[in-house]
Amino acid sequence: QGAPVHSAAMRVLVTGASGFVGRALVEELRHAEGAYEVHPLGRQDGDLSQQGVAGAAVAELRPDVVVHGAARIGVLRCEDQPELAVRSNVLATAHVARAAGASGARLVYLSTSDVYGSAAAADEETPPAPESLYALTKLWGEQAAALYAPEGLAVLRLANPYGPGVDAGQAKGAVPTMLRQADAREPIPVFRGEARTFCWIGDVVRAVRLVLEAGAEGTLNLGSDGEPVALVDVARVACELTGAPHELIEEVEPPPGRVMTRIATERIRALGWRPTVALDDGMRMLLDSLRTAAPA
């Protein structure tokens, strides 16, 4: 008697499981000593913006929690294909939230701190003011989640996660892009005057797991609240790690709609979370993984 019954594992459906954050989250939950029964849902499992796809997955797997991470990410990628951005980030979220709400599953929606727009600093009470279509679609996704799956809903606004797992050749993320450019001795364009606080992907998904464990609800900012690092300094670290000359760095004007809000993280820290990986350590690990993944 008294031994834990294995069937008590929390059943978690993770959408966007072939994406950057989703893939890392699936790994994180699978390593959590059997506390989770993880069901990854990736691109190959169907288009969540199509009627019935999300409903069928939720009906089949009967999850306790749905973590909705599937999205089209990035200011420029959403400007380039606005219809796809709305389908991926709004319509798909509405379908997933409806399916979760109808089945009684709790929804955890992965949003972005970009929803705060150009606010210099933001806590979770700061009114959203999106300045790009990407941020707008993610805010609409938050609203669709609240409309269809309000019970126990957690909205996690992620700020600048980085790390391995972004497919090579995809322009997602300043840090891997700069490391790749430095390693290949290519020019490294950086946005003039821009500074960010980056958060290691392992720290990010550990925070998501704590939200699941704690049953935390409402909106939580998720990222590093340390001093922002100028992108030109990130580029310099990339050069130092790869032995590339600093002359490769070229400062360029940032596109409109780029934001760099400093987020307050007291809510996520109240769950016992702290970021643990410093930027230069994370960049070193990321460089190793990029080199390992690169075709010889």
C-alpha atoms as a PDB file:
ATOM      1  CA  GLN A   1       0.000   0.000   0.000  1.00  0.00           C
ATOM      2  CA  GLY A   2       1.028   3.612  -0.294  1.00  0.00           C
ATOM      3  CA  ALA A   3       2.980   3.221  -3.555  1.00  0.00           C
ATOM      4  CA  PRO A   4       1.993   5.937  -6.051  1.00  0.00           C
ATOM      5  CA  VAL A   5      -0.391   4.662  -8.690  1.00  0.00           C
ATOM      6  CA  HIS A   6       1.288   5.218 -12.063  1.00  0.00           C
ATOM      7  CA  SER A   7      -1.966   6.148 -13.783  1.00  0.00           C
ATOM      8  CA  ALA A   8      -2.009   9.320 -11.690  1.00  0.00           C
ATOM      9  CA  ALA A   9       0.464  10.944 -14.110  1.00  0.00           C
ATOM     10  CA  MET A  10      -0.821  14.250 -15.452  1.00  0.00           C
ATOM     11  CA  ARG A  11      -1.803  13.826 -19.115  1.00  0.00           C
ATOM     12  CA  VAL A  12      -0.413  16.771 -21.080  1.00  0.00           C
ATOM     13  CA  LEU A  13      -1.078  17.488 -24.748  1.00  0.00           C
ATOM     14  CA  VAL A  14       1.615  19.789 -26.198  1.00  0.00           C
ATOM     15  CA  THR A  15       0.806  21.511 -29.491  1.00  0.00           C
ATOM     16  CA  GLY A  16       3.654  22.910 -31.566  1.00  0.00           C
ATOM     17  CA  ALA A  17       5.757  19.936 -30.450  1.00  0.00           C
ATOM     18  CA  SER A  18       7.897  20.138 -33.594  1.00  0.00           C
ATOM     19  CA  GLY A  19       8.669  23.797 -32.837  1.00  0.00           C
ATOM     20  CA  PHE A  20      11.411  25.330 -30.719  1.00  0.00           C
ATOM     21  CA  VAL A  21       9.682  25.723 -27.339  1.00  0.00           C
ATOM     22  CA  GLY A  22       7.276  22.804 -27.792  1.00  0.00           C
ATOM     23  CA  ARG A  23      10.035  20.312 -28.521  1.00  0.00           C
ATOM     24  CA  ALA A  24      12.033  21.431 -25.483  1.00  0.00           C
ATOM     25  CA  LEU A  25       8.933  21.260 -23.272  1.00  0.00           C
ATOM     26  CA  VAL A  26       8.171  17.692 -24.357  1.00  0.00           C
ATOM     27  CA  GLU A  27      11.733  16.704 -23.366  1.00  0.00           C
ATOM     28  CA  GLU A  28      11.449  18.540 -20.029  1.00  0.00           C
ATOM     29  CA  LEU A  29       8.177  16.799 -19.107  1.00  0.00           C
ATOM     30  CA  ARG A  30       9.420  13.383 -20.215  1.00  0.00           C
ATOM     31  CA  HIS A  31      12.398  13.718 -17.861  1.00  0.00           C
ATOM     32  CA  ALA A  32      10.200  14.570 -14.870  1.00  0.00           C
ATOM     33  CA  GLU A  33      10.239  11.062 -13.330  1.00  0.00           C
ATOM     34  CA  GLY A  34       6.941   9.809 -14.710  1.00  0.00           C
ATOM     35  CA  ALA A  35       4.917  12.717 -13.343  1.00  0.00           C
ATOM     36  CA  TYR A  36       3.599  13.404 -16.855  1.00  0.00           C
ATOM     37  CA  GLU A  37       2.126  11.387 -19.670  1.00  0.00           C
ATOM     38  CA  VAL A  38       3.146  13.577 -22.605  1.00  0.00           C
ATOM     39  CA  HIS A  39       1.367  13.625 -25.965  1.00  0.00           C
ATOM     40  CA  PRO A  40       3.236  15.753 -28.517  1.00  0.00           C
ATOM     41  CA  LEU A  41       1.216  17.190 -31.398  1.00  0.00           C
ATOM     42  CA  GLY A  42       3.409  18.446 -34.239  1.00  0.00           C
ATOM     43  CA  ARG A  43       3.027  19.720 -37.786  1.00  0.00           C
ATOM     44  CA  GLN A  44       2.793  16.186 -39.126  1.00  0.00           C
ATOM     45  CA  ASP A  45      -0.340  15.606 -36.991  1.00  0.00           C
ATOM     46  CA  GLY A  46      -2.457  18.064 -38.948  1.00  0.00           C
ATOM     47  CA  ASP A  47      -3.269  21.763 -39.288  1.00  0.00           C
ATOM     48  CA  LEU A  48      -4.837  23.030 -36.058  1.00  0.00           C
ATOM     49  CA  SER A  49      -6.464  25.925 -37.904  1.00  0.00           C
ATOM     50  CA  GLN A  50      -8.628  23.367 -39.758  1.00  0.00           C
ATOM     51  CA  GLN A  51     -12.024  22.603 -38.270  1.00  0.00           C
ATOM     52  CA  GLY A  52     -12.023  19.386 -36.223  1.00  0.00           C
ATOM     53  CA  VAL A  53      -8.268  18.693 -35.971  1.00  0.00           C
ATOM     54  CA  ALA A  54      -7.861  19.992 -32.406  1.00  0.00           C
ATOM     55  CA  GLY A  55     -11.194  18.523 -31.312  1.00  0.00           C
ATOM     56  CA  ALA A  56     -10.241  15.063 -32.559  1.00  0.00           C
ATOM     57  CA  ALA A  57      -6.854  15.129 -30.805  1.00  0.00           C
ATOM     58  CA  VAL A  58      -8.351  16.256 -27.490  1.00  0.00           C
ATOM     59  CA  ALA A  59     -11.189  13.722 -27.714  1.00  0.00           C
ATOM     60  CA  GLU A  60      -8.735  10.885 -28.408  1.00  0.00           C
ATOM     61  CA  LEU A  61      -6.113  11.751 -25.766  1.00  0.00           C
ATOM     62  CA  ARG A  62      -8.401  13.202 -23.061  1.00  0.00           C
ATOM     63  CA  PRO A  63      -5.619  15.384 -21.603  1.00  0.00           C
ATOM     64  CA  ASP A  64      -5.760  17.007 -18.176  1.00  0.00           C
ATOM     65  CA  VAL A  65      -3.869  19.983 -19.587  1.00  0.00           C
ATOM     66  CA  VAL A  66      -3.315  21.339 -23.097  1.00  0.00           C
ATOM     67  CA  VAL A  67      -0.177  23.442 -23.541  1.00  0.00           C
ATOM     68  CA  HIS A  68      -0.748  25.376 -26.751  1.00  0.00           C
ATOM     69  CA  GLY A  69       2.606  26.322 -28.238  1.00  0.00           C
ATOM     70  CA  ALA A  70       1.870  26.000 -31.965  1.00  0.00           C
ATOM     71  CA  ALA A  71       2.287  29.424 -33.589  1.00  0.00           C
ATOM     72  CA  ARG A  72       3.794  31.409 -36.391  1.00  0.00           C
ATOM     73  CA  ILE A  73       6.566  33.326 -34.663  1.00  0.00           C
ATOM     74  CA  GLY A  74       8.370  36.515 -35.597  1.00  0.00           C
ATOM     75  CA  VAL A  75       7.520  40.059 -36.636  1.00  0.00           C
ATOM     76  CA  LEU A  76       8.833  39.769 -40.192  1.00  0.00           C
ATOM     77  CA  ARG A  77       7.488  36.249 -40.822  1.00  0.00           C
ATOM     78  CA  CYS A  78       3.991  37.419 -39.862  1.00  0.00           C
ATOM     79  CA  GLU A  79       4.224  40.615 -41.959  1.00  0.00           C
ATOM     80  CA  ASP A  80       5.294  38.503 -44.949  1.00  0.00           C
ATOM     81  CA  GLN A  81       2.284  36.174 -44.675  1.00  0.00           C
ATOM     82  CA  PRO A  82      -0.459  37.932 -42.725  1.00  0.00           C
ATOM     83  CA  GLU A  83      -3.186  35.445 -43.592  1.00  0.00           C
ATOM     84  CA  LEU A  84      -1.048  32.539 -42.385  1.00  0.00           C
ATOM     85  CA  ALA A  85      -0.241  34.504 -39.215  1.00  0.00           C
ATOM     86  CA  VAL A  86      -3.938  34.955 -38.404  1.00  0.00           C
ATOM     87  CA  ARG A  87      -4.757  31.321 -39.212  1.00  0.00           C
ATOM     88  CA  SER A  88      -1.846  29.957 -37.174  1.00  0.00           C
ATOM     89  CA  ASN A  89      -2.054  32.270 -34.180  1.00  0.00           C
ATOM     90  CA  VAL A  90      -5.747  33.136 -33.878  1.00  0.00           C
ATOM     91  CA  LEU A  91      -7.909  30.564 -35.650  1.00  0.00           C
ATOM     92  CA  ALA A  92      -5.849  27.585 -34.463  1.00  0.00           C
ATOM     93  CA  THR A  93      -5.883  28.935 -30.905  1.00  0.00           C
ATOM     94  CA  ALA A  94      -9.657  29.354 -31.012  1.00  0.00           C
ATOM     95  CA  HIS A  95     -10.071  25.722 -32.128  1.00  0.00           C
ATOM     96  CA  VAL A  96      -7.647  24.421 -29.486  1.00  0.00           C
ATOM     97  CA  ALA A  97      -9.242  26.505 -26.727  1.00  0.00           C
ATOM     98  CA  ARG A  98     -12.748  25.378 -27.690  1.00  0.00           C
ATOM     99  CA  ALA A  99     -11.651  21.751 -27.658  1.00  0.00           C
ATOM    100  CA  ALA A 100      -9.931  22.147 -24.284  1.00  0.00           C
ATOM    101  CA  GLY A 101     -12.857  24.031 -22.758  1.00  0.00           C
ATOM    102  CA  ALA A 102     -15.418  21.534 -24.025  1.00  0.00           C
ATOM    103  CA  SER A 103     -13.470  18.586 -22.608  1.00  0.00           C
ATOM    104  CA  GLY A 104     -12.712  20.201 -19.249  1.00  0.00           C
ATOM    105  CA  ALA A 105      -8.959  20.269 -19.899  1.00  0.00           C
ATOM    106  CA  ARG A 106      -6.975  23.174 -18.465  1.00  0.00           C
ATOM    107  CA  LEU A 107      -5.340  25.378 -21.106  1.00  0.00           C
ATOM    108  CA  VAL A 108      -1.846  26.849 -20.844  1.00  0.00           C
ATOM    109  CA  TYR A 109      -1.287  29.291 -23.707  1.00  0.00           C
ATOM    110  CA  LEU A 110       2.233  30.319 -24.709  1.00  0.00           C
ATOM    111  CA  SER A 111       2.111  33.996 -25.675  1.00  0.00           C
ATOM    112  CA  THR A 112       4.816  36.647 -26.028  1.00  0.00           C
ATOM    113  CA  SER A 113       5.977  39.716 -24.122  1.00  0.00           C
ATOM    114  CA  ASP A 114       5.733  41.500 -27.503  1.00  0.00           C
ATOM    115  CA  VAL A 115       2.049  42.123 -26.636  1.00  0.00           C
ATOM    116  CA  TYR A 116       3.226  44.972 -24.351  1.00  0.00           C
ATOM    117  CA  GLY A 117       4.465  46.923 -27.361  1.00  0.00           C
ATOM    118  CA  SER A 118       6.945  49.687 -26.639  1.00  0.00           C
ATOM    119  CA  ALA A 119       6.387  49.818 -22.861  1.00  0.00           C
ATOM    120  CA  ALA A 120       9.865  50.195 -21.348  1.00  0.00           C
ATOM    121  CA  ALA A 121       8.905  47.968 -18.426  1.00  0.00           C
ATOM    122  CA  ALA A 122       5.861  45.752 -17.949  1.00  0.00           C
ATOM    123  CA  ASP A 123       4.280  43.635 -15.280  1.00  0.00           C
ATOM    124  CA  GLU A 124       1.237  41.467 -15.957  1.00  0.00           C
ATOM    125  CA  GLU A 125      -1.133  44.397 -15.266  1.00  0.00           C
ATOM    126  CA  THR A 126       0.450  46.581 -17.964  1.00  0.00           C
ATOM    127  CA  PRO A 127      -2.161  47.072 -20.724  1.00  0.00           C
ATOM    128  CA  PRO A 128      -1.171  45.303 -23.964  1.00  0.00           C
ATOM    129  CA  ALA A 129      -0.391  47.626 -26.871  1.00  0.00           C
ATOM    130  CA  PRO A 130       0.851  45.467 -29.776  1.00  0.00           C
ATOM    131  CA  GLU A 131       3.005  47.193 -32.393  1.00  0.00           C
ATOM    132  CA  SER A 132       3.259  44.371 -34.930  1.00  0.00           C
ATOM    133  CA  LEU A 133       0.855  41.929 -36.553  1.00  0.00           C
ATOM    134  CA  TYR A 134       2.726  39.108 -34.774  1.00  0.00           C
ATOM    135  CA  ALA A 135       2.060  40.645 -31.348  1.00  0.00           C
ATOM    136  CA  LEU A 136      -1.536  41.447 -32.306  1.00  0.00           C
ATOM    137  CA  THR A 137      -2.276  37.852 -33.359  1.00  0.00           C
ATOM    138  CA  LYS A 138      -0.762  36.526 -30.121  1.00  0.00           C
ATOM    139  CA  LEU A 139      -2.943  38.921 -28.105  1.00  0.00           C
ATOM    140  CA  TRP A 140      -6.021  37.779 -30.058  1.00  0.00           C
ATOM    141  CA  GLY A 141      -4.930  34.238 -29.204  1.00  0.00           C
ATOM    142  CA  GLU A 142      -4.904  35.162 -25.500  1.00  0.00           C
ATOM    143  CA  GLN A 143      -8.421  36.538 -25.868  1.00  0.00           C
ATOM    144  CA  ALA A 144      -9.658  33.436 -27.722  1.00  0.00           C
ATOM    145  CA  ALA A 145      -8.172  31.280 -24.955  1.00  0.00           C
ATOM    146  CA  ALA A 146      -9.979  33.326 -22.295  1.00  0.00           C
ATOM    147  CA  LEU A 147     -13.222  33.173 -24.280  1.00  0.00           C
ATOM    148  CA  TYR A 148     -13.334  29.409 -24.782  1.00  0.00           C
ATOM    149  CA  ALA A 149     -11.232  27.923 -21.953  1.00  0.00           C
ATOM    150  CA  PRO A 150     -11.324  30.356 -19.011  1.00  0.00           C
ATOM    151  CA  GLU A 151     -11.374  27.670 -16.306  1.00  0.00           C
ATOM    152  CA  GLY A 152      -7.847  27.414 -14.859  1.00  0.00           C
ATOM    153  CA  LEU A 153      -6.365  29.248 -17.861  1.00  0.00           C
ATOM    154  CA  ALA A 154      -2.699  30.256 -17.674  1.00  0.00           C
ATOM    155  CA  VAL A 155      -1.273  32.710 -20.225  1.00  0.00           C
ATOM    156  CA  LEU A 156       2.537  32.705 -20.287  1.00  0.00           C
ATOM    157  CA  ARG A 157       4.137  35.724 -21.962  1.00  0.00           C
ATOM    158  CA  LEU A 158       7.585  34.541 -23.038  1.00  0.00           C
ATOM    159  CA  ALA A 159      10.420  37.029 -23.524  1.00  0.00           C
ATOM    160  CA  ASN A 160      13.316  36.184 -25.858  1.00  0.00           C
ATOM    161  CA  PRO A 161      13.844  32.454 -25.296  1.00  0.00           C
ATOM    162  CA  TYR A 162      16.934  31.095 -27.059  1.00  0.00           C
ATOM    163  CA  GLY A 163      18.771  27.801 -27.313  1.00  0.00           C
ATOM    164  CA  PRO A 164      19.203  24.723 -29.491  1.00  0.00           C
ATOM    165  CA  GLY A 165      16.311  23.237 -31.420  1.00  0.00           C
ATOM    166  CA  VAL A 166      15.646  25.983 -33.942  1.00  0.00           C
ATOM    167  CA  ASP A 167      15.938  24.352 -37.370  1.00  0.00           C
ATOM    168  CA  ALA A 168      19.119  25.408 -39.157  1.00  0.00           C
ATOM    169  CA  GLY A 169      18.510  27.961 -41.871  1.00  0.00           C
ATOM    170  CA  GLN A 170      15.375  29.340 -40.240  1.00  0.00           C
ATOM    171  CA  ALA A 171      15.706  32.995 -39.348  1.00  0.00           C
ATOM    172  CA  LYS A 172      14.321  32.556 -35.852  1.00  0.00           C
ATOM    173  CA  GLY A 173      16.231  34.142 -33.053  1.00  0.00           C
ATOM    174  CA  ALA A 174      19.023  36.667 -32.938  1.00  0.00           C
ATOM    175  CA  VAL A 175      21.401  34.536 -30.874  1.00  0.00           C
ATOM    176  CA  PRO A 176      21.622  31.398 -33.051  1.00  0.00           C
ATOM    177  CA  THR A 177      21.719  33.567 -36.175  1.00  0.00           C
ATOM    178  CA  MET A 178      24.684  35.584 -34.891  1.00  0.00           C
ATOM    179  CA  LEU A 179      26.550  32.473 -33.769  1.00  0.00           C
ATOM    180  CA  ARG A 180      26.034  30.847 -37.169  1.00  0.00           C
ATOM    181  CA  GLN A 181      27.169  33.983 -38.996  1.00  0.00           C
ATOM    182  CA  ALA A 182      30.267  34.372 -36.811  1.00  0.00           C
ATOM    183  CA  ASP A 183      31.178  30.703 -37.181  1.00  0.00           C
ATOM    184  CA  ALA A 184      30.833  30.956 -40.975  1.00  0.00           C
ATOM    185  CA  ARG A 185      32.747  34.285 -40.996  1.00  0.00           C
ATOM    186  CA  GLU A 186      29.747  35.998 -42.601  1.00  0.00           C
ATOM    187  CA  PRO A 187      28.717  39.617 -41.934  1.00  0.00           C
ATOM    188  CA  ILE A 188      26.732  39.963 -38.682  1.00  0.00           C
ATOM    189  CA  PRO A 189      24.082  42.694 -39.009  1.00  0.00           C
ATOM    190  CA  VAL A 190      22.779  43.884 -35.616  1.00  0.00           C
ATOM    191  CA  PHE A 191      19.998  46.343 -34.876  1.00  0.00           C
ATOM    192  CA  ARG A 192      21.475  49.619 -33.651  1.00  0.00           C
ATOM    193  CA  GLY A 193      20.523  50.616 -30.114  1.00  0.00           C
ATOM    194  CA  GLU A 194      18.609  47.423 -29.398  1.00  0.00           C
ATOM    195  CA  ALA A 195      19.095  45.550 -26.119  1.00  0.00           C
ATOM    196  CA  ARG A 196      17.346  42.428 -24.856  1.00  0.00           C
ATOM    197  CA  THR A 197      17.201  40.085 -21.890  1.00  0.00           C
ATOM    198  CA  PHE A 198      17.521  36.565 -23.290  1.00  0.00           C
ATOM    199  CA  CYS A 199      16.369  33.458 -21.422  1.00  0.00           C
ATOM    200  CA  TRP A 200      17.858  29.979 -21.935  1.00  0.00           C
ATOM    201  CA  ILE A 201      15.270  27.524 -23.289  1.00  0.00           C
ATOM    202  CA  GLY A 202      15.957  25.023 -20.487  1.00  0.00           C
ATOM    203  CA  ASP A 203      15.060  27.680 -17.922  1.00  0.00           C
ATOM    204  CA  VAL A 204      11.937  28.600 -19.929  1.00  0.00           C
ATOM    205  CA  VAL A 205      10.488  25.085 -20.108  1.00  0.00           C
ATOM    206  CA  ARG A 206      11.311  24.428 -16.448  1.00  0.00           C
ATOM    207  CA  ALA A 207       9.134  27.463 -15.662  1.00  0.00           C
ATOM    208  CA  VAL A 208       6.300  26.042 -17.791  1.00  0.00           C
ATOM    209  CA  ARG A 209       6.582  22.755 -15.861  1.00  0.00           C
ATOM    210  CA  LEU A 210       6.339  24.643 -12.543  1.00  0.00           C
ATOM    211  CA  VAL A 211       3.156  26.331 -13.804  1.00  0.00           C
ATOM    212  CA  LEU A 212       1.698  22.885 -14.567  1.00  0.00           C
ATOM    213  CA  GLU A 213       2.750  21.505 -11.176  1.00  0.00           C
ATOM    214  CA  ALA A 214       1.442  24.486  -9.215  1.00  0.00           C
ATOM    215  CA  GLY A 215      -1.808  24.739 -11.162  1.00  0.00           C
ATOM    216  CA  ALA A 216      -0.974  28.430 -11.523  1.00  0.00           C
ATOM    217  CA  GLU A 217      -3.621  30.536 -13.274  1.00  0.00           C
ATOM    218  CA  GLY A 218      -3.828  33.944 -14.905  1.00  0.00           C
ATOM    219  CA  THR A 219      -1.127  35.817 -16.804  1.00  0.00           C
ATOM    220  CA  LEU A 220       2.548  35.258 -16.001  1.00  0.00           C
ATOM    221  CA  ASN A 221       5.580  36.895 -17.606  1.00  0.00           C
ATOM    222  CA  LEU A 222       8.289  34.354 -18.304  1.00  0.00           C
ATOM    223  CA  GLY A 223      11.850  35.371 -19.020  1.00  0.00           C
ATOM    224  CA  SER A 224      14.948  36.910 -17.553  1.00  0.00           C
ATOM    225  CA  ASP A 225      14.542  40.174 -15.693  1.00  0.00           C
ATOM    226  CA  GLY A 226      18.277  40.909 -15.582  1.00  0.00           C
ATOM    227  CA  GLU A 227      20.005  43.843 -17.234  1.00  0.00           C
ATOM    228  CA  PRO A 228      19.263  43.953 -20.985  1.00  0.00           C
ATOM    229  CA  VAL A 229      22.249  43.121 -23.181  1.00  0.00           C
ATOM    230  CA  ALA A 230      22.906  45.243 -26.285  1.00  0.00           C
ATOM    231  CA  LEU A 231      22.665  43.146 -29.458  1.00  0.00           C
ATOM    232  CA  VAL A 232      26.053  44.475 -30.510  1.00  0.00           C
ATOM    233  CA  ASP A 233      27.499  42.937 -27.313  1.00  0.00           C
ATOM    234  CA  VAL A 234      25.793  39.613 -28.103  1.00  0.00           C
ATOM    235  CA  ALA A 235      27.484  39.772 -31.516  1.00  0.00           C
ATOM    236  CA  ARG A 236      30.841  40.438 -29.843  1.00  0.00           C
ATOM    237  CA  VAL A 237      30.416  37.363 -27.631  1.00  0.00           C
ATOM    238  CA  ALA A 238      29.554  35.343 -30.755  1.00  0.00           C
ATOM    239  CA  CYS A 239      32.804  36.533 -32.345  1.00  0.00           C
ATOM    240  CA  GLU A 240      34.816  35.681 -29.223  1.00  0.00           C
ATOM    241  CA  LEU A 241      33.324  32.177 -28.921  1.00  0.00           C
ATOM    242  CA  THR A 242      33.969  31.388 -32.593  1.00  0.00           C
ATOM    243  CA  GLY A 243      37.261  33.255 -32.985  1.00  0.00           C
ATOM    244  CA  ALA A 244      35.723  35.486 -35.651  1.00  0.00           C
ATOM    245  CA  PRO A 245      36.949  39.062 -36.216  1.00  0.00           C
ATOM    246  CA  HIS A 246      34.776  41.804 -34.701  1.00  0.00           C
ATOM    247  CA  GLU A 247      34.915  43.620 -38.057  1.00  0.00           C
ATOM    248  CA  LEU A 248      32.116  41.296 -39.241  1.00  0.00           C
ATOM    249  CA  ILE A 249      29.645  43.183 -37.020  1.00  0.00           C
ATOM    250  CA  GLU A 250      27.559  45.764 -38.920  1.00  0.00           C
ATOM    251  CA  GLU A 251      25.063  47.982 -37.100  1.00  0.00           C
ATOM    252  CA  VAL A 252      21.828  48.503 -39.066  1.00  0.00           C
ATOM    253  CA  GLU A 253      18.554  50.348 -38.430  1.00  0.00           C
ATOM    254  CA  PRO A 254      15.905  48.146 -36.758  1.00  0.00           C
ATOM    255  CA  PRO A 255      12.598  47.554 -38.608  1.00  0.00           C
ATOM    256  CA  PRO A 256       9.437  49.144 -37.170  1.00  0.00           C
ATOM    257  CA  GLY A 257       7.446  47.051 -34.701  1.00  0.00           C
ATOM    258  CA  ARG A 258      10.527  45.772 -32.864  1.00  0.00           C
ATOM    259  CA  VAL A 259      10.088  46.043 -29.112  1.00  0.00           C
ATOM    260  CA  MET A 260      12.329  45.490 -26.114  1.00  0.00           C
ATOM    261  CA  THR A 261      10.233  45.583 -22.990  1.00  0.00           C
ATOM    262  CA  ARG A 262      11.765  44.776 -19.633  1.00  0.00           C
ATOM    263  CA  ILE A 263       9.379  42.384 -17.912  1.00  0.00           C
ATOM    264  CA  ALA A 264       8.638  41.938 -14.221  1.00  0.00           C
ATOM    265  CA  THR A 265       8.861  38.257 -13.203  1.00  0.00           C
ATOM    266  CA  GLU A 266       7.701  38.228  -9.558  1.00  0.00           C
ATOM    267  CA  ARG A 267       4.729  35.989 -10.371  1.00  0.00           C
ATOM    268  CA  ILE A 268       6.764  33.195 -11.950  1.00  0.00           C
ATOM    269  CA  ARG A 269       9.475  33.591  -9.287  1.00  0.00           C
ATOM    270  CA  ALA A 270       6.809  33.098  -6.601  1.00  0.00           C
ATOM    271  CA  LEU A 271       6.573  29.492  -7.867  1.00  0.00           C
ATOM    272  CA  GLY A 272      10.233  28.992  -6.912  1.00  0.00           C
ATOM    273  CA  TRP A 273      11.663  29.633 -10.381  1.00  0.00           C
ATOM    274  CA  ARG A 274      14.942  31.396 -11.138  1.00  0.00           C
ATOM    275  CA  PRO A 275      16.811  31.545 -14.455  1.00  0.00           C
ATOM    276  CA  THR A 276      20.075  29.634 -13.970  1.00  0.00           C
ATOM    277  CA  VAL A 277      22.007  29.864 -17.268  1.00  0.00           C
ATOM    278  CA  ALA A 278      24.039  33.010 -17.965  1.00  0.00           C
ATOM    279  CA  LEU A 279      24.010  34.311 -21.557  1.00  0.00           C
ATOM    280  CA  ASP A 280      27.658  33.507 -22.349  1.00  0.00           C
ATOM    281  CA  ASP A 281      27.246  29.944 -20.975  1.00  0.00           C
ATOM    282  CA  GLY A 282      24.051  29.494 -22.961  1.00  0.00           C
ATOM    283  CA  MET A 283      25.727  30.802 -26.116  1.00  0.00           C
ATOM    284  CA  ARG A 284      28.595  28.349 -25.629  1.00  0.00           C
ATOM    285  CA  MET A 285      26.141  25.409 -25.319  1.00  0.00           C
ATOM    286  CA  LEU A 286      24.156  26.672 -28.283  1.00  0.00           C
ATOM    287  CA  LEU A 287      27.304  26.950 -30.430  1.00  0.00           C
ATOM    288  CA  ASP A 288      28.208  23.345 -29.569  1.00  0.00           C
ATOM    289  CA  SER A 289      24.767  22.160 -30.618  1.00  0.00           C
ATOM    290  CA  LEU A 290      24.819  24.211 -33.851  1.00  0.00           C
ATOM    291  CA  ARG A 291      28.197  22.735 -34.765  1.00  0.00           C
ATOM    292  CA  THR A 292      27.006  19.216 -33.965  1.00  0.00           C
ATOM    293  CA  ALA A 293      23.868  19.682 -36.078  1.00  0.00           C
ATOM    294  CA  ALA A 294      25.620  21.333 -39.029  1.00  0.00           C
ATOM    295  CA  PRO A 295      26.217  19.106 -42.051  1.00  0.00           C
ATOM    296  CA  ALA A 296      29.921  18.295 -42.271  1.00  0.00           C
END
